[in-house]
Amino acid sequence: MNAGQAPIRGPAMINAFLAGFSDYQVLAYTTEPPATRVSGDYASLQSIYHERVRTPDGRLLEVSGHLEALWRRSTHGRWYVTRMATTPL
Protein backbone atom coordinates (compact mmCIF):
# COMPACT_ATOMS: atom_id res chain seq x y z
CA MET A 1 0.00 0.00 0.00
CA ASN A 2 1.13 3.53 -0.76
CA ALA A 3 -0.63 6.58 0.61
CA GLY A 4 -3.25 7.82 -1.82
CA GLN A 5 -3.15 4.70 -4.01
CA ALA A 6 -5.32 1.61 -4.18
CA PRO A 7 -3.76 -1.48 -2.55
CA ILE A 8 -1.56 -3.65 -4.78
CA ARG A 9 -2.43 -7.32 -4.36
CA GLY A 10 -0.93 -10.53 -5.69
CA PRO A 11 2.33 -11.38 -7.43
CA ALA A 12 1.39 -10.00 -10.87
CA MET A 13 0.31 -6.61 -9.52
CA ILE A 14 3.36 -6.41 -7.23
CA ASN A 15 5.73 -7.22 -10.11
CA ALA A 16 4.07 -4.64 -12.37
CA PHE A 17 4.27 -1.98 -9.64
CA LEU A 18 7.94 -2.65 -8.92
CA ALA A 19 8.83 -2.75 -12.64
CA GLY A 20 7.80 0.92 -12.78
CA PHE A 21 10.85 1.72 -10.63
CA SER A 22 13.42 -0.26 -12.62
CA ASP A 23 15.08 2.89 -14.01
CA TYR A 24 15.41 4.55 -10.60
CA GLN A 25 18.72 4.22 -8.74
CA VAL A 26 18.72 4.10 -4.94
CA LEU A 27 21.92 5.83 -3.81
CA ALA A 28 21.34 5.54 -0.06
CA TYR A 29 18.75 3.84 2.15
CA THR A 30 18.48 3.82 5.94
CA THR A 31 15.81 2.93 8.47
CA GLU A 32 15.51 4.14 12.04
CA PRO A 33 14.76 2.77 14.57
CA PRO A 34 13.45 -0.53 13.23
CA ALA A 35 11.13 -2.22 15.71
CA THR A 36 10.36 -5.85 14.90
CA ARG A 37 7.94 -7.89 16.96
CA VAL A 38 7.25 -11.60 16.63
CA SER A 39 4.27 -13.31 18.20
CA GLY A 40 3.76 -16.93 17.22
CA ASP A 41 3.22 -17.10 13.47
CA TYR A 42 2.96 -13.33 13.03
CA ALA A 43 5.62 -10.62 12.84
CA SER A 44 5.51 -6.87 12.34
CA LEU A 45 8.04 -4.17 11.59
CA GLN A 46 7.66 -0.44 12.00
CA SER A 47 10.32 2.11 11.16
CA ILE A 48 11.11 5.39 9.46
CA TYR A 49 12.99 5.18 6.17
CA HIS A 50 15.18 7.70 4.36
CA GLU A 51 16.21 7.33 0.70
CA ARG A 52 18.33 9.29 -1.73
CA VAL A 53 17.26 8.35 -5.26
CA ARG A 54 18.34 9.29 -8.79
CA THR A 55 15.33 9.43 -11.12
CA PRO A 56 15.48 8.23 -14.74
CA ASP A 57 15.89 11.86 -15.88
CA GLY A 58 18.86 12.39 -13.52
CA ARG A 59 17.18 14.37 -10.72
CA LEU A 60 18.17 13.60 -7.12
CA LEU A 61 15.35 13.08 -4.63
CA GLU A 62 15.46 12.79 -0.85
CA VAL A 63 12.40 10.93 0.45
CA SER A 64 11.40 9.80 3.94
CA GLY A 65 8.40 8.10 5.44
CA HIS A 66 6.95 5.52 7.77
CA LEU A 67 7.23 1.84 6.81
CA GLU A 68 4.98 -0.85 8.22
CA ALA A 69 5.26 -4.52 7.26
CA LEU A 70 3.31 -7.52 8.51
CA TRP A 71 4.30 -11.16 7.93
CA ARG A 72 2.69 -14.53 8.58
CA ARG A 73 4.53 -17.85 8.88
CA SER A 74 3.11 -20.66 6.75
CA THR A 75 2.67 -24.23 7.90
CA HIS A 76 5.93 -24.97 5.99
CA GLY A 77 7.84 -22.44 8.11
CA ARG A 78 8.23 -19.77 5.41
CA TRP A 79 7.42 -16.14 6.18
CA TYR A 80 5.14 -14.28 3.76
CA VAL A 81 4.40 -10.56 3.63
CA THR A 82 0.71 -10.04 4.24
CA ARG A 83 0.77 -6.23 4.22
CA MET A 84 3.35 -3.55 3.53
CA ALA A 85 2.61 0.15 3.60
CA THR A 86 4.56 3.38 3.33
CA THR A 87 3.39 6.82 4.35
CA PRO A 88 5.46 9.90 3.42
CA LEU A 89 6.69 12.15 6.22
C-alpha atoms as a PDB file:
ATOM      1  CA  MET A   1       0.000   0.000   0.000  1.00  0.00           C
ATOM      2  CA  ASN A   2       1.128   3.528  -0.762  1.00  0.00           C
ATOM      3  CA  ALA A   3      -0.625   6.579   0.612  1.00  0.00           C
ATOM      4  CA  GLY A   4      -3.246   7.817  -1.817  1.00  0.00           C
ATOM      5  CA  GLN A   5      -3.149   4.697  -4.010  1.00  0.00           C
ATOM      6  CA  ALA A   6      -5.321   1.614  -4.176  1.00  0.00           C
ATOM      7  CA  PRO A   7      -3.758  -1.482  -2.549  1.00  0.00           C
ATOM      8  CA  ILE A   8      -1.564  -3.647  -4.777  1.00  0.00           C
ATOM      9  CA  ARG A   9      -2.434  -7.321  -4.364  1.00  0.00           C
ATOM     10  CA  GLY A  10      -0.935 -10.527  -5.692  1.00  0.00           C
ATOM     11  CA  PRO A  11       2.335 -11.383  -7.434  1.00  0.00           C
ATOM     12  CA  ALA A  12       1.390 -10.002 -10.871  1.00  0.00           C
ATOM     13  CA  MET A  13       0.311  -6.608  -9.517  1.00  0.00           C
ATOM     14  CA  ILE A  14       3.364  -6.406  -7.228  1.00  0.00           C
ATOM     15  CA  ASN A  15       5.727  -7.221 -10.114  1.00  0.00           C
ATOM     16  CA  ALA A  16       4.071  -4.635 -12.374  1.00  0.00           C
ATOM     17  CA  PHE A  17       4.266  -1.979  -9.644  1.00  0.00           C
ATOM     18  CA  LEU A  18       7.943  -2.651  -8.916  1.00  0.00           C
ATOM     19  CA  ALA A  19       8.828  -2.753 -12.639  1.00  0.00           C
ATOM     20  CA  GLY A  20       7.803   0.919 -12.776  1.00  0.00           C
ATOM     21  CA  PHE A  21      10.851   1.722 -10.628  1.00  0.00           C
ATOM     22  CA  SER A  22      13.424  -0.265 -12.618  1.00  0.00           C
ATOM     23  CA  ASP A  23      15.082   2.887 -14.012  1.00  0.00           C
ATOM     24  CA  TYR A  24      15.412   4.554 -10.597  1.00  0.00           C
ATOM     25  CA  GLN A  25      18.715   4.218  -8.744  1.00  0.00           C
ATOM     26  CA  VAL A  26      18.722   4.096  -4.941  1.00  0.00           C
ATOM     27  CA  LEU A  27      21.917   5.826  -3.813  1.00  0.00           C
ATOM     28  CA  ALA A  28      21.339   5.541  -0.058  1.00  0.00           C
ATOM     29  CA  TYR A  29      18.755   3.840   2.149  1.00  0.00           C
ATOM     30  CA  THR A  30      18.482   3.817   5.940  1.00  0.00           C
ATOM     31  CA  THR A  31      15.815   2.925   8.474  1.00  0.00           C
ATOM     32  CA  GLU A  32      15.508   4.142  12.037  1.00  0.00           C
ATOM     33  CA  PRO A  33      14.757   2.766  14.575  1.00  0.00           C
ATOM     34  CA  PRO A  34      13.447  -0.526  13.230  1.00  0.00           C
ATOM     35  CA  ALA A  35      11.133  -2.216  15.706  1.00  0.00           C
ATOM     36  CA  THR A  36      10.356  -5.845  14.900  1.00  0.00           C
ATOM     37  CA  ARG A  37       7.937  -7.886  16.960  1.00  0.00           C
ATOM     38  CA  VAL A  38       7.254 -11.603  16.628  1.00  0.00           C
ATOM     39  CA  SER A  39       4.269 -13.312  18.202  1.00  0.00           C
ATOM     40  CA  GLY A  40       3.762 -16.930  17.223  1.00  0.00           C
ATOM     41  CA  ASP A  41       3.223 -17.097  13.471  1.00  0.00           C
ATOM     42  CA  TYR A  42       2.958 -13.328  13.034  1.00  0.00           C
ATOM     43  CA  ALA A  43       5.617 -10.623  12.843  1.00  0.00           C
ATOM     44  CA  SER A  44       5.509  -6.869  12.344  1.00  0.00           C
ATOM     45  CA  LEU A  45       8.043  -4.175  11.588  1.00  0.00           C
ATOM     46  CA  GLN A  46       7.660  -0.443  12.002  1.00  0.00           C
ATOM     47  CA  SER A  47      10.320   2.107  11.156  1.00  0.00           C
ATOM     48  CA  ILE A  48      11.107   5.389   9.462  1.00  0.00           C
ATOM     49  CA  TYR A  49      12.986   5.183   6.170  1.00  0.00           C
ATOM     50  CA  HIS A  50      15.180   7.697   4.357  1.00  0.00           C
ATOM     51  CA  GLU A  51      16.210   7.327   0.703  1.00  0.00           C
ATOM     52  CA  ARG A  52      18.327   9.286  -1.731  1.00  0.00           C
ATOM     53  CA  VAL A  53      17.262   8.354  -5.256  1.00  0.00           C
ATOM     54  CA  ARG A  54      18.338   9.290  -8.785  1.00  0.00           C
ATOM     55  CA  THR A  55      15.330   9.432 -11.118  1.00  0.00           C
ATOM     56  CA  PRO A  56      15.483   8.232 -14.736  1.00  0.00           C
ATOM     57  CA  ASP A  57      15.891  11.860 -15.883  1.00  0.00           C
ATOM     58  CA  GLY A  58      18.861  12.386 -13.524  1.00  0.00           C
ATOM     59  CA  ARG A  59      17.184  14.367 -10.717  1.00  0.00           C
ATOM     60  CA  LEU A  60      18.174  13.598  -7.115  1.00  0.00           C
ATOM     61  CA  LEU A  61      15.350  13.080  -4.633  1.00  0.00           C
ATOM     62  CA  GLU A  62      15.461  12.788  -0.850  1.00  0.00           C
ATOM     63  CA  VAL A  63      12.398  10.925   0.448  1.00  0.00           C
ATOM     64  CA  SER A  64      11.397   9.803   3.936  1.00  0.00           C
ATOM     65  CA  GLY A  65       8.402   8.103   5.443  1.00  0.00           C
ATOM     66  CA  HIS A  66       6.946   5.518   7.769  1.00  0.00           C
ATOM     67  CA  LEU A  67       7.233   1.844   6.805  1.00  0.00           C
ATOM     68  CA  GLU A  68       4.977  -0.854   8.225  1.00  0.00           C
ATOM     69  CA  ALA A  69       5.262  -4.519   7.264  1.00  0.00           C
ATOM     70  CA  LEU A  70       3.310  -7.523   8.509  1.00  0.00           C
ATOM     71  CA  TRP A  71       4.297 -11.162   7.930  1.00  0.00           C
ATOM     72  CA  ARG A  72       2.692 -14.528   8.578  1.00  0.00           C
ATOM     73  CA  ARG A  73       4.527 -17.845   8.877  1.00  0.00           C
ATOM     74  CA  SER A  74       3.106 -20.655   6.747  1.00  0.00           C
ATOM     75  CA  THR A  75       2.668 -24.232   7.897  1.00  0.00           C
ATOM     76  CA  HIS A  76       5.928 -24.970   5.994  1.00  0.00           C
ATOM     77  CA  GLY A  77       7.838 -22.437   8.106  1.00  0.00           C
ATOM     78  CA  ARG A  78       8.231 -19.770   5.412  1.00  0.00           C
ATOM     79  CA  TRP A  79       7.420 -16.144   6.179  1.00  0.00           C
ATOM     80  CA  TYR A  80       5.136 -14.277   3.755  1.00  0.00           C
ATOM     81  CA  VAL A  81       4.401 -10.559   3.626  1.00  0.00           C
ATOM     82  CA  THR A  82       0.707 -10.044   4.240  1.00  0.00           C
ATOM     83  CA  ARG A  83       0.773  -6.230   4.222  1.00  0.00           C
ATOM     84  CA  MET A  84       3.353  -3.555   3.534  1.00  0.00           C
ATOM     85  CA  ALA A  85       2.614   0.151   3.597  1.00  0.00           C
ATOM     86  CA  THR A  86       4.558   3.383   3.325  1.00  0.00           C
ATOM     87  CA  THR A  87       3.393   6.820   4.350  1.00  0.00           C
ATOM     88  CA  PRO A  88       5.460   9.898   3.420  1.00  0.00           C
ATOM     89  CA  LEU A  89       6.687  12.150   6.216  1.00  0.00           C
END
